Protein backbone atom coordinates (compact mmCIF):
# COMPACT_ATOMS: atom_id res chain seq x y z
CA MET A 1 -11.49 76.49 136.64
CA LEU A 2 -9.43 76.86 133.47
CA LYS A 3 -11.20 76.52 130.16
CA ILE A 4 -10.00 73.88 127.70
CA GLN A 5 -8.67 76.60 125.35
CA GLU A 6 -6.61 78.10 128.19
CA ILE A 7 -5.18 74.66 129.00
CA ARG A 8 -4.29 74.16 125.33
CA GLU A 9 -2.53 77.52 125.27
CA LEU A 10 -0.59 76.57 128.41
CA ILE A 11 0.45 73.28 126.81
CA LYS A 12 1.63 75.09 123.66
CA LEU A 13 3.58 77.68 125.64
CA ILE A 14 5.22 75.06 127.85
CA ASP A 15 6.00 72.86 124.84
CA LYS A 16 7.80 75.77 123.12
CA SER A 17 9.67 76.81 126.28
CA SER A 18 12.52 75.21 128.21
CA ILE A 19 10.27 74.50 131.20
CA ASP A 20 10.07 70.77 132.01
CA GLU A 21 7.32 70.93 134.63
CA PHE A 22 4.45 73.32 135.35
CA GLN A 23 2.02 73.21 138.29
CA PHE A 24 -1.11 75.30 138.71
CA GLU A 25 -3.45 75.23 141.72
CA ASN A 26 -6.69 77.17 142.09
CA ASP A 27 -9.66 76.56 144.43
CA GLY A 28 -8.57 73.01 145.22
CA GLU A 29 -8.03 72.05 141.57
CA LYS A 30 -4.54 71.19 140.45
CA ILE A 31 -2.99 70.89 136.99
CA VAL A 32 0.47 69.41 136.55
CA LEU A 33 2.10 69.46 133.11
CA LYS A 34 5.40 67.66 132.53
CA LYS A 35 7.54 67.15 129.46
CA ASN A 36 10.88 65.59 128.57
CA GLU A 37 10.69 63.13 131.43
CA VAL A 38 13.43 60.60 130.74
CA LYS A 39 14.08 57.55 132.90
CA ILE A 40 17.51 55.97 132.91
CA GLN A 41 16.11 52.47 132.34
CA GLN A 42 14.29 53.59 129.20
CA ALA A 43 17.36 55.37 127.83
CA ALA A 44 19.55 52.27 128.25
CA GLU A 45 17.23 49.97 126.27
CA PRO A 46 17.04 51.91 122.99
CA GLN A 47 20.81 52.34 122.70
CA ALA A 48 21.37 49.09 120.79
CA PRO A 49 18.72 49.82 118.12
CA ALA A 50 19.85 53.44 117.89
CA ALA A 51 23.32 52.33 116.76
CA VAL A 52 21.86 50.75 113.61
CA PRO A 53 20.40 53.99 112.19
CA PHE A 54 23.63 55.84 112.89
CA ALA A 55 25.81 53.26 111.07
CA PRO A 56 24.63 54.03 107.47
CA PRO A 57 25.37 57.76 107.65
CA ALA A 58 28.90 56.97 108.87
CA GLN A 59 29.62 54.73 105.83
CA PRO A 60 29.64 57.52 103.22
CA ALA A 61 32.82 58.91 104.82
CA PRO A 62 34.94 58.37 101.66
CA SER A 63 32.78 60.90 99.83
CA ALA A 64 33.35 63.46 102.60
CA PRO A 65 35.61 65.71 100.43
CA ALA A 66 32.81 66.04 97.87
CA GLN A 67 30.37 66.87 100.65
CA SER A 68 32.64 69.52 102.14
CA ALA A 69 33.03 71.11 98.70
CA ALA A 70 29.26 71.17 98.38
CA VAL A 71 29.04 72.75 101.81
CA GLU A 72 31.57 75.47 100.95
CA ALA A 73 29.62 76.68 97.90
CA PRO A 74 26.53 77.74 99.89
CA GLU A 75 28.69 79.49 102.49
CA THR A 76 29.44 82.39 100.13
CA PRO A 77 25.76 83.43 99.91
CA VAL A 78 25.50 82.96 103.67
CA ALA A 79 28.42 85.36 104.15
CA GLU A 80 26.71 87.85 101.83
CA LYS A 81 23.46 87.43 103.73
CA LYS A 82 25.30 88.10 107.00
CA GLN A 83 26.60 91.37 105.53
CA GLU A 84 23.06 92.28 104.48
CA ASP A 85 21.81 91.36 107.97
CA ALA A 86 24.35 93.75 109.48
CA ASN A 87 22.45 96.58 107.76
CA LEU A 88 19.10 95.28 109.00
CA HIS A 89 17.64 95.80 112.45
CA LYS A 90 15.82 92.84 114.00
CA VAL A 91 12.72 93.71 115.97
CA GLU A 92 12.69 90.96 118.60
CA SER A 93 9.96 89.70 120.89
CA PRO A 94 10.40 91.08 124.41
CA MET A 95 8.43 88.16 125.88
CA VAL A 96 6.94 84.73 125.31
CA GLY A 97 3.44 84.98 123.89
CA THR A 98 1.24 84.94 120.81
CA PHE A 99 2.06 87.21 117.86
CA TYR A 100 -0.78 89.22 116.31
CA ALA A 101 -0.20 91.35 113.21
CA SER A 102 -3.33 93.47 113.72
CA PRO A 103 -5.32 94.87 116.66
CA SER A 104 -8.29 92.63 115.79
CA PRO A 105 -9.16 90.07 113.10
CA GLU A 106 -11.31 92.65 111.25
CA ASN A 107 -8.54 95.27 111.09
CA PRO A 108 -5.64 95.31 108.63
CA ALA A 109 -2.13 94.43 109.81
CA TYR A 110 -0.15 97.19 111.51
CA VAL A 111 2.63 96.83 108.91
CA LYS A 112 3.41 94.86 105.79
CA THR A 113 6.61 94.34 103.82
CA GLY A 114 7.74 97.62 102.24
CA ASP A 115 6.02 99.89 104.79
CA LYS A 116 7.97 102.81 106.23
CA VAL A 117 8.05 102.93 110.04
CA SER A 118 9.35 105.28 112.69
CA LYS A 119 10.87 104.09 115.94
CA ASP A 120 7.56 104.78 117.72
CA SER A 121 5.42 102.90 115.16
CA ILE A 122 3.49 99.93 116.50
CA VAL A 123 4.32 96.89 114.35
CA CYS A 124 2.42 94.12 116.18
CA ILE A 125 0.90 92.90 119.43
CA ILE A 126 2.21 90.10 121.65
CA GLU A 127 -0.41 88.53 123.91
CA ALA A 128 0.95 87.13 127.15
CA MET A 129 -1.30 85.99 129.98
CA LYS A 130 -4.33 87.78 128.51
CA LEU A 131 -2.42 91.07 128.29
CA PHE A 132 -1.92 92.62 124.86
CA ASN A 133 1.47 94.31 124.56
CA GLU A 134 2.11 96.72 121.69
CA ILE A 135 5.54 96.24 120.11
CA GLU A 136 7.27 99.23 118.50
CA ALA A 137 9.66 99.26 115.53
CA GLU A 138 12.56 100.64 117.63
CA VAL A 139 14.18 102.27 114.54
CA ASN A 140 13.22 104.47 111.62
CA GLY A 141 13.23 102.51 108.39
CA GLU A 142 11.43 100.13 106.06
CA ILE A 143 9.96 96.70 106.87
CA VAL A 144 12.00 94.25 104.76
CA GLU A 145 10.60 90.97 106.06
CA ILE A 146 7.99 89.69 108.51
CA LEU A 147 9.47 86.59 110.14
CA VAL A 148 6.43 85.15 111.96
CA GLU A 149 2.85 84.27 111.09
CA ASN A 150 -0.25 85.78 112.67
CA GLY A 151 -1.29 83.76 115.74
CA GLN A 152 2.12 82.08 116.06
CA LEU A 153 3.66 81.48 119.48
CA VAL A 154 6.91 83.39 119.88
CA GLU A 155 9.79 83.09 122.33
CA TYR A 156 11.67 85.79 124.22
CA GLY A 157 14.26 87.32 121.88
CA GLN A 158 12.81 85.70 118.74
CA PRO A 159 13.16 87.98 115.69
CA LEU A 160 9.77 89.21 114.45
CA PHE A 161 10.68 91.73 111.73
CA LEU A 162 13.68 92.81 109.71
CA VAL A 163 13.82 96.59 109.27
CA LYS A 164 16.22 98.38 106.94
CA ALA A 165 17.28 101.26 109.15
CA GLU A 166 17.54 104.77 107.70
């Protein structure tokens, strides 16, 4: 039988994923987890009230030129940031799981911002299905930013670190 903590972890993982239904059977016990179940009858009823909240945002249309000017100003830093990002390597999660910055709670983190790493350096652990997978830096360089918190659930392909490659 699954422990309550294991069930909670399953719920979190399923909630963060694109899976809509999960079934687990073991020794005659069955767990079924479902999310995003939408019935057509329920969707038809809220449409009339939903139109009211959308009406006020549509009214400020005359001020749209001012808004677009405000939007253009932040785009310049975004373009600069994209150029900076081109020089940075993203260490991405190879799986769905839980991110751990250190091998155990008593130990210090594998890396912190400003640390030099080689492509073989272990930068974190991703726990998936009770297996602890060591994640390597993949490039030689310096850790510029840590993008996730210790104990956070991560998705496949989610950036974990930004490394300034040498």
